[in-house]
Amino acid sequence: MSKTEHPYAQVLRWIADGETVECCYGEGGVYGPCETEGLLGNIARGAAVKPNFFRPKPRTININGHEYALSDQGLAEALHEVNLIFKEAGYAKGA
């Protein structure tokens, strides 16, 4: 007999690890914070939506008042912002 993981096992691991869990609101893939107690209650009652509607909140960094996701795209944008800051400060490459 093979073990089958609970459908919400990953979501529960994120909560246990202290991650902020976000829920997908609407059809456009817009995510926002979930209330942990409500989410756990819905999972326990079997009333929660599909597990793929949840994700851990992406980790971000803040540079010069702008927030960037710690993803390949977010880091590329953040590095571009840092480069602009250095240019403005007179530290341009080859100067």
PDB file of N, CA and C in Angstrom:
ATOM      1  N   MET A   1       0.841  -1.185   0.000  1.00  0.00           N
ATOM      2  CA  MET A   1       0.000   0.000   0.000  1.00  0.00           C
ATOM      3  C   MET A   1       0.886   1.248   0.000  1.00  0.00           C
ATOM      4  N   SER A   2       0.680   2.120  -0.964  1.00  0.00           N
ATOM      5  CA  SER A   2       1.500   3.328  -1.048  1.00  0.00           C
ATOM      6  C   SER A   2       0.871   4.454  -0.228  1.00  0.00           C
ATOM      7  N   LYS A   3       1.740   5.284   0.325  1.00  0.00           N
ATOM      8  CA  LYS A   3       1.268   6.424   1.097  1.00  0.00           C
ATOM      9  C   LYS A   3       0.883   7.549   0.142  1.00  0.00           C
ATOM     10  N   THR A   4      -0.252   8.147   0.396  1.00  0.00           N
ATOM     11  CA  THR A   4      -0.679   9.299  -0.371  1.00  0.00           C
ATOM     12  C   THR A   4      -0.623  10.509   0.548  1.00  0.00           C
ATOM     13  N   GLU A   5       0.068  11.538   0.090  1.00  0.00           N
ATOM     14  CA  GLU A   5       0.191  12.755   0.897  1.00  0.00           C
ATOM     15  C   GLU A   5      -1.151  13.484   0.941  1.00  0.00           C
ATOM     16  N   HIS A   6      -1.446  14.070   2.072  1.00  0.00           N
ATOM     17  CA  HIS A   6      -2.660  14.865   2.231  1.00  0.00           C
ATOM     18  C   HIS A   6      -2.634  16.007   1.208  1.00  0.00           C
ATOM     19  N   PRO A   7      -3.768  16.325   0.573  1.00  0.00           N
ATOM     20  CA  PRO A   7      -3.773  17.361  -0.463  1.00  0.00           C
ATOM     21  C   PRO A   7      -3.255  18.722   0.008  1.00  0.00           C
ATOM     22  N   TYR A   8      -3.395  19.007   1.300  1.00  0.00           N
ATOM     23  CA  TYR A   8      -2.954  20.293   1.821  1.00  0.00           C
ATOM     24  C   TYR A   8      -1.642  20.190   2.595  1.00  0.00           C
ATOM     25  N   ALA A   9      -0.917  19.088   2.441  1.00  0.00           N
ATOM     26  CA  ALA A   9       0.315  18.875   3.206  1.00  0.00           C
ATOM     27  C   ALA A   9       1.320  20.009   2.987  1.00  0.00           C
ATOM     28  N   GLN A  10       1.505  20.439   1.748  1.00  0.00           N
ATOM     29  CA  GLN A  10       2.481  21.500   1.483  1.00  0.00           C
ATOM     30  C   GLN A  10       2.043  22.821   2.120  1.00  0.00           C
ATOM     31  N   VAL A  11       0.759  23.124   2.037  1.00  0.00           N
ATOM     32  CA  VAL A  11       0.238  24.352   2.649  1.00  0.00           C
ATOM     33  C   VAL A  11       0.465  24.303   4.159  1.00  0.00           C
ATOM     34  N   LEU A  12       0.199  23.148   4.762  1.00  0.00           N
ATOM     35  CA  LEU A  12       0.398  22.995   6.208  1.00  0.00           C
ATOM     36  C   LEU A  12       1.878  23.114   6.584  1.00  0.00           C
ATOM     37  N   ARG A  13       2.785  22.617   5.723  1.00  0.00           N
ATOM     38  CA  ARG A  13       4.223  22.763   5.985  1.00  0.00           C
ATOM     39  C   ARG A  13       4.622  24.237   5.957  1.00  0.00           C
ATOM     40  N   TRP A  14       4.090  24.984   4.984  1.00  0.00           N
ATOM     41  CA  TRP A  14       4.395  26.424   4.914  1.00  0.00           C
ATOM     42  C   TRP A  14       3.968  27.114   6.207  1.00  0.00           C
ATOM     43  N   ILE A  15       2.762  26.792   6.689  1.00  0.00           N
ATOM     44  CA  ILE A  15       2.278  27.403   7.929  1.00  0.00           C
ATOM     45  C   ILE A  15       3.182  27.011   9.093  1.00  0.00           C
ATOM     46  N   ALA A  16       3.534  25.728   9.186  1.00  0.00           N
ATOM     47  CA  ALA A  16       4.392  25.239  10.266  1.00  0.00           C
ATOM     48  C   ALA A  16       5.773  25.893  10.218  1.00  0.00           C
ATOM     49  N   ASP A  17       6.252  26.199   9.018  1.00  0.00           N
ATOM     50  CA  ASP A  17       7.574  26.835   8.859  1.00  0.00           C
ATOM     51  C   ASP A  17       7.529  28.338   9.084  1.00  0.00           C
ATOM     52  N   GLY A  18       6.345  28.877   9.390  1.00  0.00           N
ATOM     53  CA  GLY A  18       6.228  30.305   9.668  1.00  0.00           C
ATOM     54  C   GLY A  18       6.083  31.167   8.428  1.00  0.00           C
ATOM     55  N   GLU A  19       5.844  30.554   7.280  1.00  0.00           N
ATOM     56  CA  GLU A  19       5.652  31.329   6.047  1.00  0.00           C
ATOM     57  C   GLU A  19       4.290  32.024   6.095  1.00  0.00           C
ATOM     58  N   THR A  20       4.183  33.153   5.425  1.00  0.00           N
ATOM     59  CA  THR A  20       2.896  33.798   5.224  1.00  0.00           C
ATOM     60  C   THR A  20       2.276  33.149   3.992  1.00  0.00           C
ATOM     61  N   VAL A  21       1.105  32.572   4.161  1.00  0.00           N
ATOM     62  CA  VAL A  21       0.433  31.890   3.056  1.00  0.00           C
ATOM     63  C   VAL A  21      -0.515  32.880   2.383  1.00  0.00           C
ATOM     64  N   GLU A  22      -0.464  32.906   1.062  1.00  0.00           N
ATOM     65  CA  GLU A  22      -1.351  33.759   0.288  1.00  0.00           C
ATOM     66  C   GLU A  22      -2.360  32.908  -0.463  1.00  0.00           C
ATOM     67  N   CYS A  23      -3.561  33.469  -0.663  1.00  0.00           N
ATOM     68  CA  CYS A  23      -4.634  32.813  -1.401  1.00  0.00           C
ATOM     69  C   CYS A  23      -4.825  33.536  -2.724  1.00  0.00           C
ATOM     70  N   CYS A  24      -5.266  32.809  -3.714  1.00  0.00           N
ATOM     71  CA  CYS A  24      -5.556  33.392  -5.015  1.00  0.00           C
ATOM     72  C   CYS A  24      -6.980  33.925  -4.985  1.00  0.00           C
ATOM     73  N   TYR A  25      -7.122  35.216  -5.262  1.00  0.00           N
ATOM     74  CA  TYR A  25      -8.441  35.847  -5.299  1.00  0.00           C
ATOM     75  C   TYR A  25      -8.782  36.184  -6.737  1.00  0.00           C
ATOM     76  N   GLY A  26      -9.872  35.663  -7.220  1.00  0.00           N
ATOM     77  CA  GLY A  26     -10.322  35.968  -8.570  1.00  0.00           C
ATOM     78  C   GLY A  26      -9.615  35.137  -9.621  1.00  0.00           C
ATOM     79  N   GLU A  27     -10.011  35.351 -10.843  1.00  0.00           N
ATOM     80  CA  GLU A  27      -9.511  34.567 -11.969  1.00  0.00           C
ATOM     81  C   GLU A  27      -8.149  35.060 -12.461  1.00  0.00           C
ATOM     82  N   GLY A  28      -7.767  36.284 -12.130  1.00  0.00           N
ATOM     83  CA  GLY A  28      -6.559  36.881 -12.683  1.00  0.00           C
ATOM     84  C   GLY A  28      -5.269  36.499 -11.988  1.00  0.00           C
ATOM     85  N   GLY A  29      -5.332  35.597 -11.043  1.00  0.00           N
ATOM     86  CA  GLY A  29      -4.115  35.187 -10.355  1.00  0.00           C
ATOM     87  C   GLY A  29      -3.593  36.223  -9.377  1.00  0.00           C
ATOM     88  N   VAL A  30      -4.493  37.026  -8.808  1.00  0.00           N
ATOM     89  CA  VAL A  30      -4.103  38.029  -7.818  1.00  0.00           C
ATOM     90  C   VAL A  30      -4.076  37.358  -6.456  1.00  0.00           C
ATOM     91  N   TYR A  31      -2.917  37.404  -5.810  1.00  0.00           N
ATOM     92  CA  TYR A  31      -2.752  36.753  -4.511  1.00  0.00           C
ATOM     93  C   TYR A  31      -2.738  37.786  -3.399  1.00  0.00           C
ATOM     94  N   GLY A  32      -3.270  37.386  -2.258  1.00  0.00           N
ATOM     95  CA  GLY A  32      -3.258  38.225  -1.069  1.00  0.00           C
ATOM     96  C   GLY A  32      -3.173  37.346   0.156  1.00  0.00           C
ATOM     97  N   PRO A  33      -2.897  37.942   1.309  1.00  0.00           N
ATOM     98  CA  PRO A  33      -2.715  37.152   2.524  1.00  0.00           C
ATOM     99  C   PRO A  33      -3.981  36.404   2.942  1.00  0.00           C
ATOM    100  N   CYS A  34      -3.777  35.215   3.477  1.00  0.00           N
ATOM    101  CA  CYS A  34      -4.873  34.409   4.045  1.00  0.00           C
ATOM    102  C   CYS A  34      -4.787  34.510   5.558  1.00  0.00           C
ATOM    103  N   GLU A  35      -5.914  34.453   6.196  1.00  0.00           N
ATOM    104  CA  GLU A  35      -5.942  34.384   7.651  1.00  0.00           C
ATOM    105  C   GLU A  35      -5.653  32.936   8.041  1.00  0.00           C
ATOM    106  N   THR A  36      -4.558  32.694   8.742  1.00  0.00           N
ATOM    107  CA  THR A  36      -4.117  31.328   9.046  1.00  0.00           C
ATOM    108  C   THR A  36      -5.173  30.529   9.798  1.00  0.00           C
ATOM    109  N   GLU A  37      -5.797  31.132  10.811  1.00  0.00           N
ATOM    110  CA  GLU A  37      -6.783  30.395  11.604  1.00  0.00           C
ATOM    111  C   GLU A  37      -7.966  29.978  10.738  1.00  0.00           C
ATOM    112  N   GLY A  38      -8.444  30.882   9.890  1.00  0.00           N
ATOM    113  CA  GLY A  38      -9.556  30.558   9.010  1.00  0.00           C
ATOM    114  C   GLY A  38      -9.188  29.481   8.008  1.00  0.00           C
ATOM    115  N   LEU A  39      -7.974  29.576   7.477  1.00  0.00           N
ATOM    116  CA  LEU A  39      -7.495  28.587   6.516  1.00  0.00           C
ATOM    117  C   LEU A  39      -7.423  27.208   7.159  1.00  0.00           C
ATOM    118  N   LEU A  40      -6.857  27.139   8.358  1.00  0.00           N
ATOM    119  CA  LEU A  40      -6.764  25.846   9.063  1.00  0.00           C
ATOM    120  C   LEU A  40      -8.146  25.284   9.364  1.00  0.00           C
ATOM    121  N   GLY A  41      -9.074  26.152   9.760  1.00  0.00           N
ATOM    122  CA  GLY A  41     -10.439  25.706  10.040  1.00  0.00           C
ATOM    123  C   GLY A  41     -11.106  25.144   8.793  1.00  0.00           C
ATOM    124  N   ASN A  42     -10.910  25.824   7.662  1.00  0.00           N
ATOM    125  CA  ASN A  42     -11.497  25.344   6.406  1.00  0.00           C
ATOM    126  C   ASN A  42     -10.896  24.010   5.978  1.00  0.00           C
ATOM    127  N   ILE A  43      -9.591  23.855   6.146  1.00  0.00           N
ATOM    128  CA  ILE A  43      -8.943  22.576   5.810  1.00  0.00           C
ATOM    129  C   ILE A  43      -9.504  21.468   6.696  1.00  0.00           C
ATOM    130  N   ALA A  44      -9.634  21.745   8.004  1.00  0.00           N
ATOM    131  CA  ALA A  44     -10.135  20.732   8.940  1.00  0.00           C
ATOM    132  C   ALA A  44     -11.573  20.314   8.607  1.00  0.00           C
ATOM    133  N   ARG A  45     -12.389  21.273   8.157  1.00  0.00           N
ATOM    134  CA  ARG A  45     -13.788  20.969   7.810  1.00  0.00           C
ATOM    135  C   ARG A  45     -13.933  20.437   6.390  1.00  0.00           C
ATOM    136  N   GLY A  46     -12.849  20.466   5.635  1.00  0.00           N
ATOM    137  CA  GLY A  46     -12.924  20.029   4.247  1.00  0.00           C
ATOM    138  C   GLY A  46     -13.559  21.063   3.340  1.00  0.00           C
ATOM    139  N   ALA A  47     -13.599  22.310   3.796  1.00  0.00           N
ATOM    140  CA  ALA A  47     -14.269  23.368   3.041  1.00  0.00           C
ATOM    141  C   ALA A  47     -13.300  24.243   2.250  1.00  0.00           C
ATOM    142  N   ALA A  48     -12.025  23.971   2.356  1.00  0.00           N
ATOM    143  CA  ALA A  48     -11.036  24.811   1.677  1.00  0.00           C
ATOM    144  C   ALA A  48     -11.051  24.552   0.172  1.00  0.00           C
ATOM    145  N   VAL A  49     -10.620  25.561  -0.573  1.00  0.00           N
ATOM    146  CA  VAL A  49     -10.521  25.414  -2.027  1.00  0.00           C
ATOM    147  C   VAL A  49      -9.307  24.566  -2.377  1.00  0.00           C
ATOM    148  N   LYS A  50      -9.079  24.342  -3.644  1.00  0.00           N
ATOM    149  CA  LYS A  50      -7.983  23.491  -4.097  1.00  0.00           C
ATOM    150  C   LYS A  50      -6.636  23.982  -3.561  1.00  0.00           C
ATOM    151  N   PRO A  51      -5.740  23.055  -3.224  1.00  0.00           N
ATOM    152  CA  PRO A  51      -4.432  23.439  -2.674  1.00  0.00           C
ATOM    153  C   PRO A  51      -3.616  24.344  -3.598  1.00  0.00           C
ATOM    154  N   ASN A  52      -3.817  24.250  -4.912  1.00  0.00           N
ATOM    155  CA  ASN A  52      -3.010  25.083  -5.812  1.00  0.00           C
ATOM    156  C   ASN A  52      -3.458  26.543  -5.816  1.00  0.00           C
ATOM    157  N   PHE A  53      -4.465  26.891  -5.027  1.00  0.00           N
ATOM    158  CA  PHE A  53      -4.864  28.276  -4.880  1.00  0.00           C
ATOM    159  C   PHE A  53      -4.064  28.977  -3.790  1.00  0.00           C
ATOM    160  N   PHE A  54      -3.098  28.282  -3.219  1.00  0.00           N
ATOM    161  CA  PHE A  54      -2.274  28.824  -2.147  1.00  0.00           C
ATOM    162  C   PHE A  54      -0.815  28.855  -2.568  1.00  0.00           C
ATOM    163  N   ARG A  55      -0.088  29.771  -1.984  1.00  0.00           N
ATOM    164  CA  ARG A  55       1.360  29.836  -2.199  1.00  0.00           C
ATOM    165  C   ARG A  55       1.974  30.542  -0.997  1.00  0.00           C
ATOM    166  N   PRO A  56       3.276  30.299  -0.760  1.00  0.00           N
ATOM    167  CA  PRO A  56       3.928  31.091   0.284  1.00  0.00           C
ATOM    168  C   PRO A  56       4.157  32.490  -0.280  1.00  0.00           C
ATOM    169  N   LYS A  57       4.050  33.501   0.567  1.00  0.00           N
ATOM    170  CA  LYS A  57       4.293  34.864   0.108  1.00  0.00           C
ATOM    171  C   LYS A  57       5.727  34.938  -0.421  1.00  0.00           C
ATOM    172  N   PRO A  58       5.897  35.465  -1.634  1.00  0.00           N
ATOM    173  CA  PRO A  58       7.252  35.560  -2.182  1.00  0.00           C
ATOM    174  C   PRO A  58       8.139  36.444  -1.303  1.00  0.00           C
ATOM    175  N   ARG A  59       9.365  36.046  -1.169  1.00  0.00           N
ATOM    176  CA  ARG A  59      10.323  36.854  -0.407  1.00  0.00           C
ATOM    177  C   ARG A  59      10.738  38.034  -1.265  1.00  0.00           C
ATOM    178  N   THR A  60      10.896  39.168  -0.630  1.00  0.00           N
ATOM    179  CA  THR A  60      11.217  40.384  -1.373  1.00  0.00           C
ATOM    180  C   THR A  60      12.376  41.125  -0.722  1.00  0.00           C
ATOM    181  N   ILE A  61      12.959  42.021  -1.496  1.00  0.00           N
ATOM    182  CA  ILE A  61      13.943  42.963  -0.970  1.00  0.00           C
ATOM    183  C   ILE A  61      13.455  44.354  -1.329  1.00  0.00           C
ATOM    184  N   ASN A  62      13.870  45.327  -0.549  1.00  0.00           N
ATOM    185  CA  ASN A  62      13.467  46.705  -0.781  1.00  0.00           C
ATOM    186  C   ASN A  62      14.698  47.525  -1.125  1.00  0.00           C
ATOM    187  N   ILE A  63      14.682  48.131  -2.297  1.00  0.00           N
ATOM    188  CA  ILE A  63      15.797  48.968  -2.739  1.00  0.00           C
ATOM    189  C   ILE A  63      15.247  50.313  -3.154  1.00  0.00           C
ATOM    190  N   ASN A  64      15.726  51.352  -2.489  1.00  0.00           N
ATOM    191  CA  ASN A  64      15.356  52.716  -2.841  1.00  0.00           C
ATOM    192  C   ASN A  64      13.836  52.900  -2.863  1.00  0.00           C
ATOM    193  N   GLY A  65      13.142  52.278  -1.917  1.00  0.00           N
ATOM    194  CA  GLY A  65      11.699  52.417  -1.803  1.00  0.00           C
ATOM    195  C   GLY A  65      10.891  51.525  -2.724  1.00  0.00           C
ATOM    196  N   HIS A  66      11.537  50.651  -3.483  1.00  0.00           N
ATOM    197  CA  HIS A  66      10.831  49.733  -4.379  1.00  0.00           C
ATOM    198  C   HIS A  66      11.013  48.306  -3.886  1.00  0.00           C
ATOM    199  N   GLU A  67       9.937  47.536  -3.920  1.00  0.00           N
ATOM    200  CA  GLU A  67       9.993  46.146  -3.469  1.00  0.00           C
ATOM    201  C   GLU A  67      10.146  45.228  -4.677  1.00  0.00           C
ATOM    202  N   TYR A  68      11.105  44.292  -4.583  1.00  0.00           N
ATOM    203  CA  TYR A  68      11.377  43.349  -5.670  1.00  0.00           C
ATOM    204  C   TYR A  68      11.294  41.927  -5.134  1.00  0.00           C
ATOM    205  N   ALA A  69      10.653  41.057  -5.911  1.00  0.00           N
ATOM    206  CA  ALA A  69      10.561  39.649  -5.545  1.00  0.00           C
ATOM    207  C   ALA A  69      11.935  39.001  -5.689  1.00  0.00           C
ATOM    208  N   LEU A  70      12.246  38.074  -4.792  1.00  0.00           N
ATOM    209  CA  LEU A  70      13.500  37.343  -4.899  1.00  0.00           C
ATOM    210  C   LEU A  70      13.329  36.191  -5.882  1.00  0.00           C
ATOM    211  N   SER A  71      13.144  36.560  -7.128  1.00  0.00           N
ATOM    212  CA  SER A  71      13.052  35.625  -8.240  1.00  0.00           C
ATOM    213  C   SER A  71      14.044  36.115  -9.287  1.00  0.00           C
ATOM    214  N   ASP A  72      14.247  35.344 -10.334  1.00  0.00           N
ATOM    215  CA  ASP A  72      15.174  35.778 -11.380  1.00  0.00           C
ATOM    216  C   ASP A  72      14.775  37.133 -11.940  1.00  0.00           C
ATOM    217  N   GLN A  73      13.487  37.310 -12.262  1.00  0.00           N
ATOM    218  CA  GLN A  73      13.011  38.578 -12.823  1.00  0.00           C
ATOM    219  C   GLN A  73      13.137  39.700 -11.799  1.00  0.00           C
ATOM    220  N   GLY A  74      12.715  39.429 -10.562  1.00  0.00           N
ATOM    221  CA  GLY A  74      12.777  40.451  -9.521  1.00  0.00           C
ATOM    222  C   GLY A  74      14.203  40.877  -9.231  1.00  0.00           C
ATOM    223  N   LEU A  75      15.127  39.924  -9.189  1.00  0.00           N
ATOM    224  CA  LEU A  75      16.527  40.264  -8.935  1.00  0.00           C
ATOM    225  C   LEU A  75      17.123  41.045 -10.089  1.00  0.00           C
ATOM    226  N   ALA A  76      16.741  40.716 -11.317  1.00  0.00           N
ATOM    227  CA  ALA A  76      17.245  41.471 -12.474  1.00  0.00           C
ATOM    228  C   ALA A  76      16.781  42.917 -12.384  1.00  0.00           C
ATOM    229  N   GLU A  77      15.515  43.124 -12.021  1.00  0.00           N
ATOM    230  CA  GLU A  77      14.997  44.483 -11.873  1.00  0.00           C
ATOM    231  C   GLU A  77      15.694  45.209 -10.721  1.00  0.00           C
ATOM    232  N   ALA A  78      15.931  44.506  -9.621  1.00  0.00           N
ATOM    233  CA  ALA A  78      16.599  45.110  -8.473  1.00  0.00           C
ATOM    234  C   ALA A  78      18.032  45.506  -8.824  1.00  0.00           C
ATOM    235  N   LEU A  79      18.741  44.646  -9.526  1.00  0.00           N
ATOM    236  CA  LEU A  79      20.113  44.974  -9.923  1.00  0.00           C
ATOM    237  C   LEU A  79      20.150  46.168 -10.869  1.00  0.00           C
ATOM    238  N   HIS A  80      19.161  46.268 -11.735  1.00  0.00           N
ATOM    239  CA  HIS A  80      19.068  47.426 -12.623  1.00  0.00           C
ATOM    240  C   HIS A  80      18.886  48.698 -11.792  1.00  0.00           C
ATOM    241  N   GLU A  81      18.029  48.639 -10.773  1.00  0.00           N
ATOM    242  CA  GLU A  81      17.802  49.793  -9.894  1.00  0.00           C
ATOM    243  C   GLU A  81      19.082  50.176  -9.160  1.00  0.00           C
ATOM    244  N   VAL A  82      19.817  49.184  -8.657  1.00  0.00           N
ATOM    245  CA  VAL A  82      21.088  49.460  -7.968  1.00  0.00           C
ATOM    246  C   VAL A  82      22.074  50.111  -8.929  1.00  0.00           C
ATOM    247  N   ASN A  83      22.128  49.621 -10.161  1.00  0.00           N
ATOM    248  CA  ASN A  83      23.014  50.192 -11.165  1.00  0.00           C
ATOM    249  C   ASN A  83      22.669  51.664 -11.406  1.00  0.00           C
ATOM    250  N   LEU A  84      21.385  51.978 -11.491  1.00  0.00           N
ATOM    251  CA  LEU A  84      20.968  53.376 -11.682  1.00  0.00           C
ATOM    252  C   LEU A  84      21.369  54.246 -10.497  1.00  0.00           C
ATOM    253  N   ILE A  85      21.235  53.704  -9.294  1.00  0.00           N
ATOM    254  CA  ILE A  85      21.620  54.460  -8.092  1.00  0.00           C
ATOM    255  C   ILE A  85      23.111  54.780  -8.134  1.00  0.00           C
ATOM    256  N   PHE A  86      23.937  53.779  -8.506  1.00  0.00           N
ATOM    257  CA  PHE A  86      25.379  54.005  -8.586  1.00  0.00           C
ATOM    258  C   PHE A  86      25.720  55.011  -9.680  1.00  0.00           C
ATOM    259  N   LYS A  87      25.033  54.938 -10.803  1.00  0.00           N
ATOM    260  CA  LYS A  87      25.277  55.898 -11.888  1.00  0.00           C
ATOM    261  C   LYS A  87      24.981  57.316 -11.427  1.00  0.00           C
ATOM    262  N   GLU A  88      23.847  57.487 -10.765  1.00  0.00           N
ATOM    263  CA  GLU A  88      23.460  58.808 -10.267  1.00  0.00           C
ATOM    264  C   GLU A  88      24.462  59.333  -9.243  1.00  0.00           C
ATOM    265  N   ALA A  89      25.078  58.443  -8.514  1.00  0.00           N
ATOM    266  CA  ALA A  89      26.059  58.841  -7.491  1.00  0.00           C
ATOM    267  C   ALA A  89      27.445  59.063  -8.078  1.00  0.00           C
ATOM    268  N   GLY A  90      27.598  58.857  -9.386  1.00  0.00           N
ATOM    269  CA  GLY A  90      28.891  59.087 -10.021  1.00  0.00           C
ATOM    270  C   GLY A  90      29.812  57.889 -10.045  1.00  0.00           C
ATOM    271  N   TYR A  91      29.285  56.729  -9.774  1.00  0.00           N
ATOM    272  CA  TYR A  91      30.091  55.518  -9.783  1.00  0.00           C
ATOM    273  C   TYR A  91      29.868  54.687 -11.025  1.00  0.00           C
ATOM    274  N   ALA A  92      29.599  55.346 -12.133  1.00  0.00           N
ATOM    275  CA  ALA A  92      29.320  54.647 -13.383  1.00  0.00           C
ATOM    276  C   ALA A  92      30.533  53.815 -13.808  1.00  0.00           C
ATOM    277  N   LYS A  93      30.253  52.721 -14.469  1.00  0.00           N
ATOM    278  CA  LYS A  93      31.285  51.830 -14.964  1.00  0.00           C
ATOM    279  C   LYS A  93      32.209  52.597 -15.906  1.00  0.00           C
ATOM    280  N   GLY A  94      33.497  52.533 -15.674  1.00  0.00           N
ATOM    281  CA  GLY A  94      34.488  53.188 -16.537  1.00  0.00           C
ATOM    282  C   GLY A  94      34.702  54.649 -16.221  1.00  0.00           C
ATOM    283  N   ALA A  95      34.036  55.160 -15.172  1.00  0.00           N
ATOM    284  CA  ALA A  95      34.201  56.584 -14.849  1.00  0.00           C
ATOM    285  C   ALA A  95      35.446  56.805 -14.021  1.00  0.00           C
TER     286      ALA A  95
END
